[in-house]
Amino acid sequence: MAAGARWRSIGGALTTSPDFLPRRPTLAFVLRHPAHLLAFGLGSGLVRPAPGTAGTLLALPIFWFVHPRVPDVAFLGMIAVLFLVGIWACGRTGRALGVPDHSGMVLDEIVAFLLVLFMLPATLPWQAVGFLLFRLFDIYKPPPIRQLDRSLKGGFGVMLDDLVAAFYALLAVALWKTVVDHGG
């Protein structure tokens, strides 16, 4: 163990961290490394009290700007690349903070919500419904989201649980649309 490090329980998991960790990230921390900047959603993860909501909202202007300018396959490719980059960025940033899934790391929300936006009709009402459903599933973490969140650590775990929340949001929209379309 490094000098100045000690064992501490963070989110139920034992980890080693220097005495000054975990710390509340600052803008200087976010700007210190490209992984931190990406994991913190270009700084949107510093917003308090709801960094996940701020990160999710950042996906909207990204979607509005990029999606109309690229083919669908390129947009899906961008989401896949961002997911892979997120594994690296969130893993590295979580290690630097001493907290594997720090609430300020919001690239997972951005990537997952970009997928939700891609799958929904590109109108504000549908995007608002998608936003509300995604945030609901991301915050309350119904099974198996909570289990994934607890069992998978590192960047992959950080990114995956939000992808499942996106799937649940899209499933809820599909079920609602099926009921409405069939008059039921």
C-alpha atoms as a PDB file:
ATOM      1  CA  MET A   1       0.000   0.000   0.000  1.00  0.00           C
ATOM      2  CA  ALA A   2       1.306   3.462  -0.866  1.00  0.00           C
ATOM      3  CA  ALA A   3       2.528   5.804   1.844  1.00  0.00           C
ATOM      4  CA  GLY A   4      -0.323   7.898   3.185  1.00  0.00           C
ATOM      5  CA  ALA A   5      -2.910   5.416   1.955  1.00  0.00           C
ATOM      6  CA  ARG A   6      -5.414   3.555   4.112  1.00  0.00           C
ATOM      7  CA  TRP A   7      -8.341   1.192   3.754  1.00  0.00           C
ATOM      8  CA  ARG A   8     -11.774   2.734   3.775  1.00  0.00           C
ATOM      9  CA  SER A   9     -15.258   1.642   2.872  1.00  0.00           C
ATOM     10  CA  ILE A  10     -16.729   3.484  -0.082  1.00  0.00           C
ATOM     11  CA  GLY A  11     -20.188   2.446  -1.161  1.00  0.00           C
ATOM     12  CA  GLY A  12     -19.853  -0.869   0.669  1.00  0.00           C
ATOM     13  CA  ALA A  13     -16.572  -1.803  -1.048  1.00  0.00           C
ATOM     14  CA  LEU A  14     -13.173  -1.655   0.614  1.00  0.00           C
ATOM     15  CA  THR A  15     -10.662   0.372  -1.293  1.00  0.00           C
ATOM     16  CA  THR A  16      -7.308   1.984  -0.654  1.00  0.00           C
ATOM     17  CA  SER A  17      -7.008   5.688  -1.052  1.00  0.00           C
ATOM     18  CA  PRO A  18      -4.672   8.429   0.023  1.00  0.00           C
ATOM     19  CA  ASP A  19      -5.805  10.266   3.131  1.00  0.00           C
ATOM     20  CA  PHE A  20      -7.159  13.180   1.113  1.00  0.00           C
ATOM     21  CA  LEU A  21      -9.413  10.904  -0.966  1.00  0.00           C
ATOM     22  CA  PRO A  22     -12.244  10.682  -1.669  1.00  0.00           C
ATOM     23  CA  ARG A  23     -12.514  14.362  -2.303  1.00  0.00           C
ATOM     24  CA  ARG A  24     -15.116  16.565  -3.831  1.00  0.00           C
ATOM     25  CA  PRO A  25     -13.885  17.091  -7.375  1.00  0.00           C
ATOM     26  CA  THR A  26     -13.165  20.617  -8.497  1.00  0.00           C
ATOM     27  CA  LEU A  27     -12.951  22.196 -11.922  1.00  0.00           C
ATOM     28  CA  ALA A  28      -9.160  21.976 -11.594  1.00  0.00           C
ATOM     29  CA  PHE A  29      -9.439  18.194 -11.064  1.00  0.00           C
ATOM     30  CA  VAL A  30     -11.754  17.836 -14.075  1.00  0.00           C
ATOM     31  CA  LEU A  31      -9.378  19.821 -16.288  1.00  0.00           C
ATOM     32  CA  ARG A  32      -6.285  17.922 -15.070  1.00  0.00           C
ATOM     33  CA  HIS A  33      -6.744  14.949 -17.421  1.00  0.00           C
ATOM     34  CA  PRO A  34      -8.813  14.290 -20.578  1.00  0.00           C
ATOM     35  CA  ALA A  35     -10.369  11.225 -18.899  1.00  0.00           C
ATOM     36  CA  HIS A  36     -11.661  13.392 -16.047  1.00  0.00           C
ATOM     37  CA  LEU A  37     -13.054  15.980 -18.458  1.00  0.00           C
ATOM     38  CA  LEU A  38     -14.889  13.291 -20.427  1.00  0.00           C
ATOM     39  CA  ALA A  39     -16.099  11.346 -17.378  1.00  0.00           C
ATOM     40  CA  PHE A  40     -17.445  14.556 -15.846  1.00  0.00           C
ATOM     41  CA  GLY A  41     -19.324  15.423 -19.042  1.00  0.00           C
ATOM     42  CA  LEU A  42     -17.199  18.477 -19.872  1.00  0.00           C
ATOM     43  CA  GLY A  43     -17.827  19.734 -16.328  1.00  0.00           C
ATOM     44  CA  SER A  44     -21.583  19.113 -16.165  1.00  0.00           C
ATOM     45  CA  GLY A  45     -20.937  16.506 -13.464  1.00  0.00           C
ATOM     46  CA  LEU A  46     -19.831  19.297 -11.129  1.00  0.00           C
ATOM     47  CA  VAL A  47     -23.392  20.692 -11.024  1.00  0.00           C
ATOM     48  CA  ARG A  48     -25.003  20.253  -7.627  1.00  0.00           C
ATOM     49  CA  PRO A  49     -27.375  18.953  -6.372  1.00  0.00           C
ATOM     50  CA  ALA A  50     -28.178  16.778  -9.434  1.00  0.00           C
ATOM     51  CA  PRO A  51     -25.092  16.015 -11.529  1.00  0.00           C
ATOM     52  CA  GLY A  52     -26.752  13.033 -13.278  1.00  0.00           C
ATOM     53  CA  THR A  53     -29.611  15.229 -14.416  1.00  0.00           C
ATOM     54  CA  ALA A  54     -27.171  17.869 -15.668  1.00  0.00           C
ATOM     55  CA  GLY A  55     -25.240  15.222 -17.603  1.00  0.00           C
ATOM     56  CA  THR A  56     -28.423  13.806 -19.071  1.00  0.00           C
ATOM     57  CA  LEU A  57     -29.475  17.293 -20.187  1.00  0.00           C
ATOM     58  CA  LEU A  58     -26.101  17.784 -21.890  1.00  0.00           C
ATOM     59  CA  ALA A  59     -27.022  14.931 -24.231  1.00  0.00           C
ATOM     60  CA  LEU A  60     -29.829  17.051 -25.726  1.00  0.00           C
ATOM     61  CA  PRO A  61     -27.716  19.732 -27.457  1.00  0.00           C
ATOM     62  CA  ILE A  62     -25.224  17.052 -28.525  1.00  0.00           C
ATOM     63  CA  PHE A  63     -28.070  15.086 -30.121  1.00  0.00           C
ATOM     64  CA  TRP A  64     -29.690  18.164 -31.683  1.00  0.00           C
ATOM     65  CA  PHE A  65     -26.401  19.258 -33.230  1.00  0.00           C
ATOM     66  CA  VAL A  66     -24.884  15.936 -34.339  1.00  0.00           C
ATOM     67  CA  HIS A  67     -27.816  13.688 -35.274  1.00  0.00           C
ATOM     68  CA  PRO A  68     -29.195  15.786 -38.171  1.00  0.00           C
ATOM     69  CA  ARG A  69     -25.704  16.059 -39.674  1.00  0.00           C
ATOM     70  CA  VAL A  70     -24.663  12.402 -39.805  1.00  0.00           C
ATOM     71  CA  PRO A  71     -26.185   9.163 -41.084  1.00  0.00           C
ATOM     72  CA  ASP A  72     -27.891   6.979 -38.476  1.00  0.00           C
ATOM     73  CA  VAL A  73     -25.185   4.324 -38.664  1.00  0.00           C
ATOM     74  CA  ALA A  74     -22.526   6.964 -37.952  1.00  0.00           C
ATOM     75  CA  PHE A  75     -24.524   8.262 -34.981  1.00  0.00           C
ATOM     76  CA  LEU A  76     -24.843   4.749 -33.552  1.00  0.00           C
ATOM     77  CA  GLY A  77     -21.123   4.268 -34.159  1.00  0.00           C
ATOM     78  CA  MET A  78     -20.443   7.470 -32.235  1.00  0.00           C
ATOM     79  CA  ILE A  79     -22.513   6.146 -29.321  1.00  0.00           C
ATOM     80  CA  ALA A  80     -20.567   2.853 -29.385  1.00  0.00           C
ATOM     81  CA  VAL A  81     -17.227   4.694 -29.422  1.00  0.00           C
ATOM     82  CA  LEU A  82     -18.369   6.969 -26.583  1.00  0.00           C
ATOM     83  CA  PHE A  83     -19.394   3.877 -24.594  1.00  0.00           C
ATOM     84  CA  LEU A  84     -15.912   2.390 -25.016  1.00  0.00           C
ATOM     85  CA  VAL A  85     -14.225   5.717 -24.248  1.00  0.00           C
ATOM     86  CA  GLY A  86     -16.499   5.975 -21.203  1.00  0.00           C
ATOM     87  CA  ILE A  87     -15.238   2.646 -19.864  1.00  0.00           C
ATOM     88  CA  TRP A  88     -11.700   4.021 -19.947  1.00  0.00           C
ATOM     89  CA  ALA A  89     -12.533   7.569 -18.776  1.00  0.00           C
ATOM     90  CA  CYS A  90     -14.818   6.540 -15.900  1.00  0.00           C
ATOM     91  CA  GLY A  91     -12.460   3.772 -14.817  1.00  0.00           C
ATOM     92  CA  ARG A  92      -9.462   6.094 -14.704  1.00  0.00           C
ATOM     93  CA  THR A  93     -11.386   8.929 -13.059  1.00  0.00           C
ATOM     94  CA  GLY A  94     -12.963   6.624 -10.472  1.00  0.00           C
ATOM     95  CA  ARG A  95      -9.508   5.345  -9.519  1.00  0.00           C
ATOM     96  CA  ALA A  96      -8.166   8.910  -9.281  1.00  0.00           C
ATOM     97  CA  LEU A  97     -11.048   9.877  -6.981  1.00  0.00           C
ATOM     98  CA  GLY A  98     -10.950   6.679  -4.943  1.00  0.00           C
ATOM     99  CA  VAL A  99     -14.674   6.228  -5.717  1.00  0.00           C
ATOM    100  CA  PRO A 100     -15.412   3.710  -8.492  1.00  0.00           C
ATOM    101  CA  ASP A 101     -18.777   5.272  -9.450  1.00  0.00           C
ATOM    102  CA  HIS A 102     -18.634   8.892  -8.300  1.00  0.00           C
ATOM    103  CA  SER A 103     -21.912  10.751  -8.857  1.00  0.00           C
ATOM    104  CA  GLY A 104     -20.084  13.462 -10.796  1.00  0.00           C
ATOM    105  CA  MET A 105     -19.059  11.022 -13.507  1.00  0.00           C
ATOM    106  CA  VAL A 106     -21.916  11.564 -15.956  1.00  0.00           C
ATOM    107  CA  LEU A 107     -20.587  10.330 -19.288  1.00  0.00           C
ATOM    108  CA  ASP A 108     -22.633   7.192 -18.657  1.00  0.00           C
ATOM    109  CA  GLU A 109     -25.844   9.252 -18.524  1.00  0.00           C
ATOM    110  CA  ILE A 110     -24.871  11.188 -21.644  1.00  0.00           C
ATOM    111  CA  VAL A 111     -24.142   8.081 -23.703  1.00  0.00           C
ATOM    112  CA  ALA A 112     -27.222   6.180 -22.527  1.00  0.00           C
ATOM    113  CA  PHE A 113     -29.547   9.128 -23.096  1.00  0.00           C
ATOM    114  CA  LEU A 114     -28.099   9.705 -26.578  1.00  0.00           C
ATOM    115  CA  LEU A 115     -29.277   6.175 -27.358  1.00  0.00           C
ATOM    116  CA  VAL A 116     -32.734   6.932 -25.943  1.00  0.00           C
ATOM    117  CA  LEU A 117     -32.944  10.101 -28.035  1.00  0.00           C
ATOM    118  CA  PHE A 118     -31.870   8.216 -31.150  1.00  0.00           C
ATOM    119  CA  MET A 119     -34.640   5.638 -30.699  1.00  0.00           C
ATOM    120  CA  LEU A 120     -37.460   8.111 -30.013  1.00  0.00           C
ATOM    121  CA  PRO A 121     -39.244  10.417 -32.444  1.00  0.00           C
ATOM    122  CA  ALA A 122     -37.240  13.648 -32.649  1.00  0.00           C
ATOM    123  CA  THR A 123     -39.883  15.877 -31.073  1.00  0.00           C
ATOM    124  CA  LEU A 124     -39.712  17.740 -27.769  1.00  0.00           C
ATOM    125  CA  PRO A 125     -42.654  15.888 -26.177  1.00  0.00           C
ATOM    126  CA  TRP A 126     -41.104  12.476 -26.920  1.00  0.00           C
ATOM    127  CA  GLN A 127     -37.688  13.682 -25.793  1.00  0.00           C
ATOM    128  CA  ALA A 128     -39.207  14.975 -22.533  1.00  0.00           C
ATOM    129  CA  VAL A 129     -40.908  11.617 -21.911  1.00  0.00           C
ATOM    130  CA  GLY A 130     -37.645   9.824 -22.679  1.00  0.00           C
ATOM    131  CA  PHE A 131     -35.767  12.130 -20.318  1.00  0.00           C
ATOM    132  CA  LEU A 132     -38.211  11.586 -17.452  1.00  0.00           C
ATOM    133  CA  LEU A 133     -38.325   7.815 -17.900  1.00  0.00           C
ATOM    134  CA  PHE A 134     -34.558   7.510 -18.233  1.00  0.00           C
ATOM    135  CA  ARG A 135     -33.942   9.586 -15.098  1.00  0.00           C
ATOM    136  CA  LEU A 136     -36.580   7.576 -13.210  1.00  0.00           C
ATOM    137  CA  PHE A 137     -34.941   4.247 -14.057  1.00  0.00           C
ATOM    138  CA  ASP A 138     -31.428   5.624 -13.522  1.00  0.00           C
ATOM    139  CA  ILE A 139     -32.275   7.005 -10.076  1.00  0.00           C
ATOM    140  CA  TYR A 140     -34.426   4.156  -8.722  1.00  0.00           C
ATOM    141  CA  LYS A 141     -32.408   1.352 -10.340  1.00  0.00           C
ATOM    142  CA  PRO A 142     -34.972  -1.470 -10.563  1.00  0.00           C
ATOM    143  CA  PRO A 143     -33.620  -5.021 -10.959  1.00  0.00           C
ATOM    144  CA  PRO A 144     -31.213  -5.860 -12.443  1.00  0.00           C
ATOM    145  CA  ILE A 145     -29.819  -2.307 -12.591  1.00  0.00           C
ATOM    146  CA  ARG A 146     -29.075  -2.098  -8.855  1.00  0.00           C
ATOM    147  CA  GLN A 147     -27.425  -5.534  -8.899  1.00  0.00           C
ATOM    148  CA  LEU A 148     -25.270  -4.564 -11.889  1.00  0.00           C
ATOM    149  CA  ASP A 149     -24.371  -1.300 -10.188  1.00  0.00           C
ATOM    150  CA  ARG A 150     -23.239  -3.160  -7.071  1.00  0.00           C
ATOM    151  CA  SER A 151     -21.493  -6.121  -8.682  1.00  0.00           C
ATOM    152  CA  LEU A 152     -19.717  -4.648 -11.709  1.00  0.00           C
ATOM    153  CA  LYS A 153     -16.986  -2.216 -10.788  1.00  0.00           C
ATOM    154  CA  GLY A 154     -14.734  -0.028 -12.837  1.00  0.00           C
ATOM    155  CA  GLY A 155     -15.583   1.810 -16.001  1.00  0.00           C
ATOM    156  CA  PHE A 156     -17.593  -1.031 -17.537  1.00  0.00           C
ATOM    157  CA  GLY A 157     -19.924  -1.214 -14.538  1.00  0.00           C
ATOM    158  CA  VAL A 158     -20.361   2.553 -14.508  1.00  0.00           C
ATOM    159  CA  MET A 159     -21.343   2.589 -18.176  1.00  0.00           C
ATOM    160  CA  LEU A 160     -23.469  -0.579 -18.250  1.00  0.00           C
ATOM    161  CA  ASP A 161     -26.057   0.207 -15.574  1.00  0.00           C
ATOM    162  CA  ASP A 162     -27.101   3.375 -17.404  1.00  0.00           C
ATOM    163  CA  LEU A 163     -27.402   1.461 -20.650  1.00  0.00           C
ATOM    164  CA  VAL A 164     -29.863  -0.887 -18.913  1.00  0.00           C
ATOM    165  CA  ALA A 165     -31.764   2.159 -17.582  1.00  0.00           C
ATOM    166  CA  ALA A 166     -31.965   3.417 -21.179  1.00  0.00           C
ATOM    167  CA  PHE A 167     -33.320   0.034 -22.270  1.00  0.00           C
ATOM    168  CA  TYR A 168     -35.996   0.199 -19.544  1.00  0.00           C
ATOM    169  CA  ALA A 169     -36.978   3.724 -20.611  1.00  0.00           C
ATOM    170  CA  LEU A 170     -37.313   2.617 -24.230  1.00  0.00           C
ATOM    171  CA  LEU A 171     -39.243  -0.499 -23.186  1.00  0.00           C
ATOM    172  CA  ALA A 172     -41.671   1.625 -21.162  1.00  0.00           C
ATOM    173  CA  VAL A 173     -42.222   3.937 -24.153  1.00  0.00           C
ATOM    174  CA  ALA A 174     -42.777   0.949 -26.450  1.00  0.00           C
ATOM    175  CA  LEU A 175     -45.280  -0.636 -24.051  1.00  0.00           C
ATOM    176  CA  TRP A 176     -47.166   2.629 -23.597  1.00  0.00           C
ATOM    177  CA  LYS A 177     -47.224   3.249 -27.350  1.00  0.00           C
ATOM    178  CA  THR A 178     -48.481  -0.306 -27.966  1.00  0.00           C
ATOM    179  CA  VAL A 179     -51.332   0.157 -25.482  1.00  0.00           C
ATOM    180  CA  VAL A 180     -52.278   3.573 -26.896  1.00  0.00           C
ATOM    181  CA  ASP A 181     -52.058   2.431 -30.527  1.00  0.00           C
ATOM    182  CA  HIS A 182     -54.257  -0.573 -29.827  1.00  0.00           C
ATOM    183  CA  GLY A 183     -56.867   1.439 -27.940  1.00  0.00           C
ATOM    184  CA  GLY A 184     -56.298  -0.459 -24.767  1.00  0.00           C
END
